[in-house]
Amino acid sequence: MNITVYGIPNCQTVKKARDWLDAHQIKYTFHDFKKLGVSKELILLWLKSVDLHQLINRSGMTFRNLTEPQKLLSQNQDDAIALMIQNPSMIKRPVLVTPQKIHLGFKDVDYASLFGQT
């Protein structure tokens, strides 16, 4: 199974997700979107499965540090995509991509269900 985890390595939620996958011997590729970035095409692919407002981490510091006009722009898909490309840490982390599903965030019970570990 081809699995990719998108996030930033120093994010505690990403660390928990990667630790869970490692502990369950589930192979994955890690994509550090602070170093490698994200593309418009990738974000559009995610948006086929998740809602724009779910994809944006509105409680994180990156979003909170945006100007009010930028926050308003995040309501519009095209503008929000441009903001996420410029500020990838405003994306909810981790983004877990499997052949069947795109999953945002981490909860061990959700991962257990996704990977049949219940």
PDB file of N, CA and C in Angstrom:
ATOM      1  N   MET A   1       0.847  -1.174   0.000  1.00  0.00           N
ATOM      2  CA  MET A   1       0.000   0.000   0.000  1.00  0.00           C
ATOM      3  C   MET A   1       0.896   1.241   0.000  1.00  0.00           C
ATOM      4  N   ASN A   2       0.617   2.174  -0.878  1.00  0.00           N
ATOM      5  CA  ASN A   2       1.381   3.404  -0.987  1.00  0.00           C
ATOM      6  C   ASN A   2       0.756   4.460  -0.072  1.00  0.00           C
ATOM      7  N   ILE A   3       1.469   4.820   0.994  1.00  0.00           N
ATOM      8  CA  ILE A   3       0.971   5.773   1.985  1.00  0.00           C
ATOM      9  C   ILE A   3       1.951   6.933   2.074  1.00  0.00           C
ATOM     10  N   THR A   4       1.401   8.143   2.099  1.00  0.00           N
ATOM     11  CA  THR A   4       2.229   9.329   2.287  1.00  0.00           C
ATOM     12  C   THR A   4       1.674  10.136   3.448  1.00  0.00           C
ATOM     13  N   VAL A   5       2.567  10.571   4.308  1.00  0.00           N
ATOM     14  CA  VAL A   5       2.220  11.446   5.416  1.00  0.00           C
ATOM     15  C   VAL A   5       2.822  12.806   5.096  1.00  0.00           C
ATOM     16  N   TYR A   6       1.966  13.815   5.024  1.00  0.00           N
ATOM     17  CA  TYR A   6       2.395  15.187   4.760  1.00  0.00           C
ATOM     18  C   TYR A   6       2.336  15.966   6.061  1.00  0.00           C
ATOM     19  N   GLY A   7       3.386  16.727   6.338  1.00  0.00           N
ATOM     20  CA  GLY A   7       3.397  17.537   7.540  1.00  0.00           C
ATOM     21  C   GLY A   7       4.758  18.159   7.748  1.00  0.00           C
ATOM     22  N   ILE A   8       5.000  18.582   8.982  1.00  0.00           N
ATOM     23  CA  ILE A   8       6.307  19.115   9.358  1.00  0.00           C
ATOM     24  C   ILE A   8       6.835  18.272  10.519  1.00  0.00           C
ATOM     25  N   PRO A   9       8.118  17.962  10.501  1.00  0.00           N
ATOM     26  CA  PRO A   9       8.641  16.988  11.455  1.00  0.00           C
ATOM     27  C   PRO A   9       8.570  17.408  12.920  1.00  0.00           C
ATOM     28  N   ASN A  10       8.582  18.696  13.211  1.00  0.00           N
ATOM     29  CA  ASN A  10       8.579  19.118  14.617  1.00  0.00           C
ATOM     30  C   ASN A  10       7.170  19.305  15.180  1.00  0.00           C
ATOM     31  N   CYS A  11       6.144  19.016  14.405  1.00  0.00           N
ATOM     32  CA  CYS A  11       4.756  19.104  14.866  1.00  0.00           C
ATOM     33  C   CYS A  11       4.452  17.876  15.731  1.00  0.00           C
ATOM     34  N   GLN A  12       3.949  18.094  16.932  1.00  0.00           N
ATOM     35  CA  GLN A  12       3.674  16.991  17.852  1.00  0.00           C
ATOM     36  C   GLN A  12       2.633  16.020  17.298  1.00  0.00           C
ATOM     37  N   THR A  13       1.637  16.513  16.614  1.00  0.00           N
ATOM     38  CA  THR A  13       0.604  15.636  16.053  1.00  0.00           C
ATOM     39  C   THR A  13       1.194  14.775  14.944  1.00  0.00           C
ATOM     40  N   VAL A  14       2.063  15.347  14.134  1.00  0.00           N
ATOM     41  CA  VAL A  14       2.736  14.578  13.083  1.00  0.00           C
ATOM     42  C   VAL A  14       3.632  13.515  13.714  1.00  0.00           C
ATOM     43  N   LYS A  15       4.343  13.890  14.772  1.00  0.00           N
ATOM     44  CA  LYS A  15       5.208  12.921  15.461  1.00  0.00           C
ATOM     45  C   LYS A  15       4.388  11.746  15.989  1.00  0.00           C
ATOM     46  N   LYS A  16       3.228  12.037  16.589  1.00  0.00           N
ATOM     47  CA  LYS A  16       2.372  10.969  17.106  1.00  0.00           C
ATOM     48  C   LYS A  16       1.899  10.048  15.977  1.00  0.00           C
ATOM     49  N   ALA A  17       1.515  10.640  14.862  1.00  0.00           N
ATOM     50  CA  ALA A  17       1.047   9.832  13.727  1.00  0.00           C
ATOM     51  C   ALA A  17       2.166   8.941  13.197  1.00  0.00           C
ATOM     52  N   ARG A  18       3.343   9.518  13.037  1.00  0.00           N
ATOM     53  CA  ARG A  18       4.475   8.730  12.530  1.00  0.00           C
ATOM     54  C   ARG A  18       4.885   7.647  13.515  1.00  0.00           C
ATOM     55  N   ASP A  19       4.859   7.964  14.805  1.00  0.00           N
ATOM     56  CA  ASP A  19       5.170   6.955  15.821  1.00  0.00           C
ATOM     57  C   ASP A  19       4.163   5.812  15.772  1.00  0.00           C
ATOM     58  N   TRP A  20       2.872   6.138  15.592  1.00  0.00           N
ATOM     59  CA  TRP A  20       1.839   5.109  15.516  1.00  0.00           C
ATOM     60  C   TRP A  20       2.084   4.203  14.303  1.00  0.00           C
ATOM     61  N   LEU A  21       2.352   4.825  13.163  1.00  0.00           N
ATOM     62  CA  LEU A  21       2.608   4.033  11.948  1.00  0.00           C
ATOM     63  C   LEU A  21       3.842   3.152  12.123  1.00  0.00           C
ATOM     64  N   ASP A  22       4.899   3.702  12.702  1.00  0.00           N
ATOM     65  CA  ASP A  22       6.120   2.926  12.942  1.00  0.00           C
ATOM     66  C   ASP A  22       5.848   1.757  13.893  1.00  0.00           C
ATOM     67  N   ALA A  23       5.105   2.025  14.970  1.00  0.00           N
ATOM     68  CA  ALA A  23       4.818   0.988  15.959  1.00  0.00           C
ATOM     69  C   ALA A  23       3.996  -0.152  15.366  1.00  0.00           C
ATOM     70  N   HIS A  24       3.187   0.165  14.354  1.00  0.00           N
ATOM     71  CA  HIS A  24       2.351  -0.848  13.705  1.00  0.00           C
ATOM     72  C   HIS A  24       2.987  -1.365  12.406  1.00  0.00           C
ATOM     73  N   GLN A  25       4.252  -1.022  12.221  1.00  0.00           N
ATOM     74  CA  GLN A  25       5.042  -1.484  11.071  1.00  0.00           C
ATOM     75  C   GLN A  25       4.338  -1.211   9.737  1.00  0.00           C
ATOM     76  N   ILE A  26       3.779  -0.016   9.640  1.00  0.00           N
ATOM     77  CA  ILE A  26       3.131   0.412   8.406  1.00  0.00           C
ATOM     78  C   ILE A  26       4.093   1.343   7.683  1.00  0.00           C
ATOM     79  N   LYS A  27       4.494   0.930   6.501  1.00  0.00           N
ATOM     80  CA  LYS A  27       5.458   1.721   5.727  1.00  0.00           C
ATOM     81  C   LYS A  27       4.755   2.928   5.105  1.00  0.00           C
ATOM     82  N   TYR A  28       5.480   4.033   5.086  1.00  0.00           N
ATOM     83  CA  TYR A  28       4.946   5.269   4.527  1.00  0.00           C
ATOM     84  C   TYR A  28       6.104   6.141   4.058  1.00  0.00           C
ATOM     85  N   THR A  29       5.776   7.091   3.242  1.00  0.00           N
ATOM     86  CA  THR A  29       6.717   8.120   2.820  1.00  0.00           C
ATOM     87  C   THR A  29       6.339   9.397   3.557  1.00  0.00           C
ATOM     88  N   PHE A  30       7.342  10.095   4.080  1.00  0.00           N
ATOM     89  CA  PHE A  30       7.066  11.365   4.754  1.00  0.00           C
ATOM     90  C   PHE A  30       7.438  12.512   3.831  1.00  0.00           C
ATOM     91  N   HIS A  31       6.506  13.453   3.683  1.00  0.00           N
ATOM     92  CA  HIS A  31       6.717  14.639   2.859  1.00  0.00           C
ATOM     93  C   HIS A  31       6.696  15.855   3.786  1.00  0.00           C
ATOM     94  N   ASP A  32       7.859  16.442   4.001  1.00  0.00           N
ATOM     95  CA  ASP A  32       7.991  17.633   4.843  1.00  0.00           C
ATOM     96  C   ASP A  32       7.602  18.834   3.986  1.00  0.00           C
ATOM     97  N   PHE A  33       6.386  19.332   4.190  1.00  0.00           N
ATOM     98  CA  PHE A  33       5.982  20.411   3.307  1.00  0.00           C
ATOM     99  C   PHE A  33       6.545  21.767   3.679  1.00  0.00           C
ATOM    100  N   LYS A  34       7.301  21.861   4.747  1.00  0.00           N
ATOM    101  CA  LYS A  34       8.067  23.085   5.006  1.00  0.00           C
ATOM    102  C   LYS A  34       9.282  23.122   4.078  1.00  0.00           C
ATOM    103  N   LYS A  35       9.914  21.961   3.879  1.00  0.00           N
ATOM    104  CA  LYS A  35      11.095  21.884   3.019  1.00  0.00           C
ATOM    105  C   LYS A  35      10.730  21.653   1.559  1.00  0.00           C
ATOM    106  N   LEU A  36       9.771  20.759   1.321  1.00  0.00           N
ATOM    107  CA  LEU A  36       9.446  20.357  -0.053  1.00  0.00           C
ATOM    108  C   LEU A  36       8.278  21.131  -0.644  1.00  0.00           C
ATOM    109  N   GLY A  37       7.536  21.828   0.204  1.00  0.00           N
ATOM    110  CA  GLY A  37       6.405  22.613  -0.264  1.00  0.00           C
ATOM    111  C   GLY A  37       5.207  21.751  -0.649  1.00  0.00           C
ATOM    112  N   VAL A  38       4.173  22.434  -1.086  1.00  0.00           N
ATOM    113  CA  VAL A  38       2.975  21.785  -1.615  1.00  0.00           C
ATOM    114  C   VAL A  38       2.595  22.512  -2.892  1.00  0.00           C
ATOM    115  N   SER A  39       1.983  21.792  -3.793  1.00  0.00           N
ATOM    116  CA  SER A  39       1.598  22.390  -5.073  1.00  0.00           C
ATOM    117  C   SER A  39       0.093  22.617  -5.119  1.00  0.00           C
ATOM    118  N   LYS A  40      -0.315  23.455  -6.020  1.00  0.00           N
ATOM    119  CA  LYS A  40      -1.738  23.693  -6.235  1.00  0.00           C
ATOM    120  C   LYS A  40      -2.425  22.384  -6.612  1.00  0.00           C
ATOM    121  N   GLU A  41      -1.785  21.592  -7.453  1.00  0.00           N
ATOM    122  CA  GLU A  41      -2.368  20.322  -7.905  1.00  0.00           C
ATOM    123  C   GLU A  41      -2.584  19.368  -6.729  1.00  0.00           C
ATOM    124  N   LEU A  42      -1.616  19.327  -5.823  1.00  0.00           N
ATOM    125  CA  LEU A  42      -1.729  18.452  -4.661  1.00  0.00           C
ATOM    126  C   LEU A  42      -2.883  18.898  -3.766  1.00  0.00           C
ATOM    127  N   ILE A  43      -2.970  20.178  -3.505  1.00  0.00           N
ATOM    128  CA  ILE A  43      -4.051  20.695  -2.665  1.00  0.00           C
ATOM    129  C   ILE A  43      -5.405  20.441  -3.324  1.00  0.00           C
ATOM    130  N   LEU A  44      -5.487  20.639  -4.626  1.00  0.00           N
ATOM    131  CA  LEU A  44      -6.749  20.370  -5.335  1.00  0.00           C
ATOM    132  C   LEU A  44      -7.124  18.891  -5.233  1.00  0.00           C
ATOM    133  N   LEU A  45      -6.144  18.023  -5.278  1.00  0.00           N
ATOM    134  CA  LEU A  45      -6.400  16.591  -5.111  1.00  0.00           C
ATOM    135  C   LEU A  45      -6.984  16.320  -3.718  1.00  0.00           C
ATOM    136  N   TRP A  46      -6.389  16.909  -2.692  1.00  0.00           N
ATOM    137  CA  TRP A  46      -6.909  16.746  -1.337  1.00  0.00           C
ATOM    138  C   TRP A  46      -8.336  17.271  -1.232  1.00  0.00           C
ATOM    139  N   LEU A  47      -8.600  18.396  -1.898  1.00  0.00           N
ATOM    140  CA  LEU A  47      -9.918  19.027  -1.798  1.00  0.00           C
ATOM    141  C   LEU A  47     -11.015  18.220  -2.489  1.00  0.00           C
ATOM    142  N   LYS A  48     -10.647  17.204  -3.241  1.00  0.00           N
ATOM    143  CA  LYS A  48     -11.660  16.302  -3.792  1.00  0.00           C
ATOM    144  C   LYS A  48     -12.235  15.416  -2.697  1.00  0.00           C
ATOM    145  N   SER A  49     -11.483  15.256  -1.599  1.00  0.00           N
ATOM    146  CA  SER A  49     -11.900  14.358  -0.510  1.00  0.00           C
ATOM    147  C   SER A  49     -12.202  15.071   0.802  1.00  0.00           C
ATOM    148  N   VAL A  50     -11.621  16.239   1.000  1.00  0.00           N
ATOM    149  CA  VAL A  50     -11.847  16.962   2.258  1.00  0.00           C
ATOM    150  C   VAL A  50     -12.291  18.389   1.951  1.00  0.00           C
ATOM    151  N   ASP A  51     -13.033  18.955   2.845  1.00  0.00           N
ATOM    152  CA  ASP A  51     -13.539  20.312   2.706  1.00  0.00           C
ATOM    153  C   ASP A  51     -12.417  21.329   2.949  1.00  0.00           C
ATOM    154  N   LEU A  52     -12.464  22.428   2.237  1.00  0.00           N
ATOM    155  CA  LEU A  52     -11.465  23.490   2.383  1.00  0.00           C
ATOM    156  C   LEU A  52     -11.323  23.926   3.835  1.00  0.00           C
ATOM    157  N   HIS A  53     -12.444  24.089   4.523  1.00  0.00           N
ATOM    158  CA  HIS A  53     -12.393  24.585   5.894  1.00  0.00           C
ATOM    159  C   HIS A  53     -11.810  23.553   6.860  1.00  0.00           C
ATOM    160  N   GLN A  54     -11.853  22.275   6.488  1.00  0.00           N
ATOM    161  CA  GLN A  54     -11.205  21.242   7.299  1.00  0.00           C
ATOM    162  C   GLN A  54      -9.699  21.244   7.049  1.00  0.00           C
ATOM    163  N   LEU A  55      -9.301  21.556   5.825  1.00  0.00           N
ATOM    164  CA  LEU A  55      -7.889  21.502   5.448  1.00  0.00           C
ATOM    165  C   LEU A  55      -7.070  22.623   6.087  1.00  0.00           C
ATOM    166  N   ILE A  56      -7.701  23.728   6.392  1.00  0.00           N
ATOM    167  CA  ILE A  56      -6.997  24.867   6.994  1.00  0.00           C
ATOM    168  C   ILE A  56      -7.033  24.731   8.517  1.00  0.00           C
ATOM    169  N   ASN A  57      -5.858  24.784   9.121  1.00  0.00           N
ATOM    170  CA  ASN A  57      -5.737  24.713  10.576  1.00  0.00           C
ATOM    171  C   ASN A  57      -5.928  26.118  11.144  1.00  0.00           C
ATOM    172  N   ARG A  58      -7.160  26.463  11.427  1.00  0.00           N
ATOM    173  CA  ARG A  58      -7.479  27.810  11.889  1.00  0.00           C
ATOM    174  C   ARG A  58      -7.048  28.072  13.329  1.00  0.00           C
ATOM    175  N   SER A  59      -6.742  27.029  14.076  1.00  0.00           N
ATOM    176  CA  SER A  59      -6.318  27.230  15.462  1.00  0.00           C
ATOM    177  C   SER A  59      -4.804  27.339  15.599  1.00  0.00           C
ATOM    178  N   GLY A  60      -4.068  27.067  14.529  1.00  0.00           N
ATOM    179  CA  GLY A  60      -2.612  27.125  14.583  1.00  0.00           C
ATOM    180  C   GLY A  60      -2.072  28.543  14.524  1.00  0.00           C
ATOM    181  N   MET A  61      -0.827  28.686  14.965  1.00  0.00           N
ATOM    182  CA  MET A  61      -0.184  30.008  14.996  1.00  0.00           C
ATOM    183  C   MET A  61      -0.046  30.627  13.606  1.00  0.00           C
ATOM    184  N   THR A  62       0.230  29.808  12.599  1.00  0.00           N
ATOM    185  CA  THR A  62       0.414  30.365  11.262  1.00  0.00           C
ATOM    186  C   THR A  62      -0.849  31.078  10.809  1.00  0.00           C
ATOM    187  N   PHE A  63      -2.002  30.438  10.992  1.00  0.00           N
ATOM    188  CA  PHE A  63      -3.259  31.067  10.590  1.00  0.00           C
ATOM    189  C   PHE A  63      -3.550  32.279  11.464  1.00  0.00           C
ATOM    190  N   ARG A  64      -3.354  32.136  12.770  1.00  0.00           N
ATOM    191  CA  ARG A  64      -3.650  33.244  13.670  1.00  0.00           C
ATOM    192  C   ARG A  64      -2.767  34.459  13.393  1.00  0.00           C
ATOM    193  N   ASN A  65      -1.565  34.233  12.835  1.00  0.00           N
ATOM    194  CA  ASN A  65      -0.662  35.344  12.541  1.00  0.00           C
ATOM    195  C   ASN A  65      -0.935  35.998  11.183  1.00  0.00           C
ATOM    196  N   LEU A  66      -1.865  35.447  10.413  1.00  0.00           N
ATOM    197  CA  LEU A  66      -2.227  36.090   9.156  1.00  0.00           C
ATOM    198  C   LEU A  66      -2.936  37.407   9.443  1.00  0.00           C
ATOM    199  N   THR A  67      -2.872  38.320   8.497  1.00  0.00           N
ATOM    200  CA  THR A  67      -3.616  39.571   8.634  1.00  0.00           C
ATOM    201  C   THR A  67      -5.105  39.276   8.473  1.00  0.00           C
ATOM    202  N   GLU A  68      -5.933  40.174   8.941  1.00  0.00           N
ATOM    203  CA  GLU A  68      -7.387  39.975   8.794  1.00  0.00           C
ATOM    204  C   GLU A  68      -7.792  39.853   7.320  1.00  0.00           C
ATOM    205  N   PRO A  69      -7.233  40.690   6.422  1.00  0.00           N
ATOM    206  CA  PRO A  69      -7.570  40.493   5.001  1.00  0.00           C
ATOM    207  C   PRO A  69      -7.166  39.110   4.477  1.00  0.00           C
ATOM    208  N   GLN A  70      -6.020  38.590   4.932  1.00  0.00           N
ATOM    209  CA  GLN A  70      -5.598  37.250   4.513  1.00  0.00           C
ATOM    210  C   GLN A  70      -6.553  36.189   5.050  1.00  0.00           C
ATOM    211  N   LYS A  71      -6.978  36.350   6.284  1.00  0.00           N
ATOM    212  CA  LYS A  71      -7.927  35.396   6.855  1.00  0.00           C
ATOM    213  C   LYS A  71      -9.225  35.382   6.060  1.00  0.00           C
ATOM    214  N   LEU A  72      -9.654  36.559   5.627  1.00  0.00           N
ATOM    215  CA  LEU A  72     -10.863  36.634   4.799  1.00  0.00           C
ATOM    216  C   LEU A  72     -10.645  35.949   3.449  1.00  0.00           C
ATOM    217  N   LEU A  73      -9.444  36.114   2.879  1.00  0.00           N
ATOM    218  CA  LEU A  73      -9.129  35.463   1.610  1.00  0.00           C
ATOM    219  C   LEU A  73      -9.202  33.943   1.729  1.00  0.00           C
ATOM    220  N   SER A  74      -8.928  33.423   2.917  1.00  0.00           N
ATOM    221  CA  SER A  74      -8.920  31.974   3.095  1.00  0.00           C
ATOM    222  C   SER A  74     -10.315  31.359   2.949  1.00  0.00           C
ATOM    223  N   GLN A  75     -11.331  32.181   2.850  1.00  0.00           N
ATOM    224  CA  GLN A  75     -12.700  31.682   2.649  1.00  0.00           C
ATOM    225  C   GLN A  75     -12.917  31.258   1.194  1.00  0.00           C
ATOM    226  N   ASN A  76     -12.135  31.830   0.286  1.00  0.00           N
ATOM    227  CA  ASN A  76     -12.242  31.548  -1.144  1.00  0.00           C
ATOM    228  C   ASN A  76     -11.220  30.485  -1.528  1.00  0.00           C
ATOM    229  N   GLN A  77     -11.640  29.462  -2.252  1.00  0.00           N
ATOM    230  CA  GLN A  77     -10.751  28.333  -2.537  1.00  0.00           C
ATOM    231  C   GLN A  77      -9.459  28.749  -3.232  1.00  0.00           C
ATOM    232  N   ASP A  78      -9.531  29.529  -4.298  1.00  0.00           N
ATOM    233  CA  ASP A  78      -8.311  29.892  -5.028  1.00  0.00           C
ATOM    234  C   ASP A  78      -7.345  30.694  -4.156  1.00  0.00           C
ATOM    235  N   ASP A  79      -7.884  31.648  -3.400  1.00  0.00           N
ATOM    236  CA  ASP A  79      -7.039  32.451  -2.519  1.00  0.00           C
ATOM    237  C   ASP A  79      -6.481  31.607  -1.373  1.00  0.00           C
ATOM    238  N   ALA A  80      -7.304  30.707  -0.847  1.00  0.00           N
ATOM    239  CA  ALA A  80      -6.854  29.833   0.240  1.00  0.00           C
ATOM    240  C   ALA A  80      -5.722  28.924  -0.228  1.00  0.00           C
ATOM    241  N   ILE A  81      -5.836  28.406  -1.439  1.00  0.00           N
ATOM    242  CA  ILE A  81      -4.767  27.559  -1.986  1.00  0.00           C
ATOM    243  C   ILE A  81      -3.469  28.348  -2.089  1.00  0.00           C
ATOM    244  N   ALA A  82      -3.551  29.581  -2.583  1.00  0.00           N
ATOM    245  CA  ALA A  82      -2.356  30.418  -2.692  1.00  0.00           C
ATOM    246  C   ALA A  82      -1.740  30.651  -1.310  1.00  0.00           C
ATOM    247  N   LEU A  83      -2.580  30.893  -0.305  1.00  0.00           N
ATOM    248  CA  LEU A  83      -2.078  31.090   1.063  1.00  0.00           C
ATOM    249  C   LEU A  83      -1.417  29.822   1.599  1.00  0.00           C
ATOM    250  N   MET A  84      -2.017  28.649   1.314  1.00  0.00           N
ATOM    251  CA  MET A  84      -1.433  27.387   1.798  1.00  0.00           C
ATOM    252  C   MET A  84      -0.105  27.090   1.119  1.00  0.00           C
ATOM    253  N   ILE A  85       0.029  27.461  -0.147  1.00  0.00           N
ATOM    254  CA  ILE A  85       1.301  27.264  -0.839  1.00  0.00           C
ATOM    255  C   ILE A  85       2.375  28.164  -0.213  1.00  0.00           C
ATOM    256  N   GLN A  86       2.000  29.399   0.107  1.00  0.00           N
ATOM    257  CA  GLN A  86       2.937  30.331   0.738  1.00  0.00           C
ATOM    258  C   GLN A  86       3.231  29.961   2.182  1.00  0.00           C
ATOM    259  N   ASN A  87       2.233  29.435   2.873  1.00  0.00           N
ATOM    260  CA  ASN A  87       2.329  29.142   4.307  1.00  0.00           C
ATOM    261  C   ASN A  87       1.862  27.708   4.564  1.00  0.00           C
ATOM    262  N   PRO A  88       2.630  26.706   4.164  1.00  0.00           N
ATOM    263  CA  PRO A  88       2.135  25.333   4.270  1.00  0.00           C
ATOM    264  C   PRO A  88       1.836  24.883   5.700  1.00  0.00           C
ATOM    265  N   SER A  89       2.406  25.549   6.694  1.00  0.00           N
ATOM    266  CA  SER A  89       2.104  25.123   8.055  1.00  0.00           C
ATOM    267  C   SER A  89       0.707  25.547   8.498  1.00  0.00           C
ATOM    268  N   MET A  90      -0.044  26.249   7.639  1.00  0.00           N
ATOM    269  CA  MET A  90      -1.445  26.535   7.972  1.00  0.00           C
ATOM    270  C   MET A  90      -2.362  25.384   7.560  1.00  0.00           C
ATOM    271  N   ILE A  91      -1.780  24.332   6.977  1.00  0.00           N
ATOM    272  CA  ILE A  91      -2.543  23.144   6.598  1.00  0.00           C
ATOM    273  C   ILE A  91      -2.666  22.248   7.826  1.00  0.00           C
ATOM    274  N   LYS A  92      -3.859  21.724   8.058  1.00  0.00           N
ATOM    275  CA  LYS A  92      -4.082  20.786   9.169  1.00  0.00           C
ATOM    276  C   LYS A  92      -3.142  19.605   9.005  1.00  0.00           C
ATOM    277  N   ARG A  93      -2.500  19.225  10.113  1.00  0.00           N
ATOM    278  CA  ARG A  93      -1.490  18.175  10.047  1.00  0.00           C
ATOM    279  C   ARG A  93      -1.848  17.014  10.966  1.00  0.00           C
ATOM    280  N   PRO A  94      -1.353  15.843  10.570  1.00  0.00           N
ATOM    281  CA  PRO A  94      -0.809  15.495   9.259  1.00  0.00           C
ATOM    282  C   PRO A  94      -1.923  15.267   8.242  1.00  0.00           C
ATOM    283  N   VAL A  95      -1.527  15.304   6.984  1.00  0.00           N
ATOM    284  CA  VAL A  95      -2.408  14.860   5.914  1.00  0.00           C
ATOM    285  C   VAL A  95      -1.915  13.466   5.554  1.00  0.00           C
ATOM    286  N   LEU A  96      -2.749  12.474   5.797  1.00  0.00           N
ATOM    287  CA  LEU A  96      -2.414  11.080   5.514  1.00  0.00           C
ATOM    288  C   LEU A  96      -3.128  10.692   4.223  1.00  0.00           C
ATOM    289  N   VAL A  97      -2.347  10.258   3.245  1.00  0.00           N
ATOM    290  CA  VAL A  97      -2.922   9.880   1.957  1.00  0.00           C
ATOM    291  C   VAL A  97      -2.661   8.398   1.720  1.00  0.00           C
ATOM    292  N   THR A  98      -3.755   7.651   1.568  1.00  0.00           N
ATOM    293  CA  THR A  98      -3.681   6.237   1.208  1.00  0.00           C
ATOM    294  C   THR A  98      -4.381   6.097  -0.146  1.00  0.00           C
ATOM    295  N   PRO A  99      -4.267   4.956  -0.788  1.00  0.00           N
ATOM    296  CA  PRO A  99      -4.982   4.789  -2.057  1.00  0.00           C
ATOM    297  C   PRO A  99      -6.501   4.950  -1.924  1.00  0.00           C
ATOM    298  N   GLN A 100      -7.029   4.702  -0.736  1.00  0.00           N
ATOM    299  CA  GLN A 100      -8.482   4.769  -0.552  1.00  0.00           C
ATOM    300  C   GLN A 100      -8.985   6.060   0.072  1.00  0.00           C
ATOM    301  N   LYS A 101      -8.135   6.776   0.800  1.00  0.00           N
ATOM    302  CA  LYS A 101      -8.644   7.856   1.627  1.00  0.00           C
ATOM    303  C   LYS A 101      -7.599   8.931   1.882  1.00  0.00           C
ATOM    304  N   ILE A 102      -8.110  10.130   2.135  1.00  0.00           N
ATOM    305  CA  ILE A 102      -7.287  11.224   2.637  1.00  0.00           C
ATOM    306  C   ILE A 102      -7.828  11.550   4.025  1.00  0.00           C
ATOM    307  N   HIS A 103      -6.931  11.532   5.008  1.00  0.00           N
ATOM    308  CA  HIS A 103      -7.344  11.729   6.398  1.00  0.00           C
ATOM    309  C   HIS A 103      -6.541  12.882   6.991  1.00  0.00           C
ATOM    310  N   LEU A 104      -7.221  13.766   7.701  1.00  0.00           N
ATOM    311  CA  LEU A 104      -6.566  14.918   8.331  1.00  0.00           C
ATOM    312  C   LEU A 104      -6.443  14.711   9.829  1.00  0.00           C
ATOM    313  N   GLY A 105      -5.311  15.134  10.374  1.00  0.00           N
ATOM    314  CA  GLY A 105      -5.098  15.056  11.812  1.00  0.00           C
ATOM    315  C   GLY A 105      -4.726  13.653  12.249  1.00  0.00           C
ATOM    316  N   PHE A 106      -4.610  13.480  13.562  1.00  0.00           N
ATOM    317  CA  PHE A 106      -4.271  12.163  14.093  1.00  0.00           C
ATOM    318  C   PHE A 106      -5.027  11.879  15.376  1.00  0.00           C
ATOM    319  N   LYS A 107      -5.658  10.724  15.401  1.00  0.00           N
ATOM    320  CA  LYS A 107      -6.202  10.110  16.614  1.00  0.00           C
ATOM    321  C   LYS A 107      -5.922   8.636  16.449  1.00  0.00           C
ATOM    322  N   ASP A 108      -5.378   8.016  17.492  1.00  0.00           N
ATOM    323  CA  ASP A 108      -4.994   6.613  17.354  1.00  0.00           C
ATOM    324  C   ASP A 108      -6.175   5.727  16.991  1.00  0.00           C
ATOM    325  N   VAL A 109      -7.367   6.029  17.504  1.00  0.00           N
ATOM    326  CA  VAL A 109      -8.530   5.197  17.169  1.00  0.00           C
ATOM    327  C   VAL A 109      -8.885   5.326  15.689  1.00  0.00           C
ATOM    328  N   ASP A 110      -8.709   6.517  15.126  1.00  0.00           N
ATOM    329  CA  ASP A 110      -8.985   6.710  13.695  1.00  0.00           C
ATOM    330  C   ASP A 110      -7.984   5.940  12.845  1.00  0.00           C
ATOM    331  N   TYR A 111      -6.704   6.010  13.214  1.00  0.00           N
ATOM    332  CA  TYR A 111      -5.686   5.283  12.462  1.00  0.00           C
ATOM    333  C   TYR A 111      -5.902   3.773  12.586  1.00  0.00           C
ATOM    334  N   ALA A 112      -6.272   3.322  13.788  1.00  0.00           N
ATOM    335  CA  ALA A 112      -6.538   1.895  13.980  1.00  0.00           C
ATOM    336  C   ALA A 112      -7.669   1.442  13.063  1.00  0.00           C
ATOM    337  N   SER A 113      -8.691   2.248  12.958  1.00  0.00           N
ATOM    338  CA  SER A 113      -9.815   1.919  12.081  1.00  0.00           C
ATOM    339  C   SER A 113      -9.394   1.945  10.612  1.00  0.00           C
ATOM    340  N   LEU A 114      -8.638   2.960  10.226  1.00  0.00           N
ATOM    341  CA  LEU A 114      -8.175   3.080   8.842  1.00  0.00           C
ATOM    342  C   LEU A 114      -7.346   1.889   8.405  1.00  0.00           C
ATOM    343  N   PHE A 115      -6.530   1.393   9.319  1.00  0.00           N
ATOM    344  CA  PHE A 115      -5.585   0.327   8.974  1.00  0.00           C
ATOM    345  C   PHE A 115      -5.997  -1.042   9.516  1.00  0.00           C
ATOM    346  N   GLY A 116      -7.269  -1.174   9.908  1.00  0.00           N
ATOM    347  CA  GLY A 116      -7.766  -2.473  10.339  1.00  0.00           C
ATOM    348  C   GLY A 116      -7.097  -3.001  11.583  1.00  0.00           C
ATOM    349  N   GLN A 117      -6.720  -2.118  12.498  1.00  0.00           N
ATOM    350  CA  GLN A 117      -6.019  -2.517  13.720  1.00  0.00           C
ATOM    351  C   GLN A 117      -6.954  -2.516  14.929  1.00  0.00           C
ATOM    352  N   THR A 118      -8.253  -2.513  14.691  1.00  0.00           N
ATOM    353  CA  THR A 118      -9.194  -2.437  15.815  1.00  0.00           C
ATOM    354  C   THR A 118      -9.432  -3.786  16.447  1.00  0.00           C
TER     355      THR A 118
END
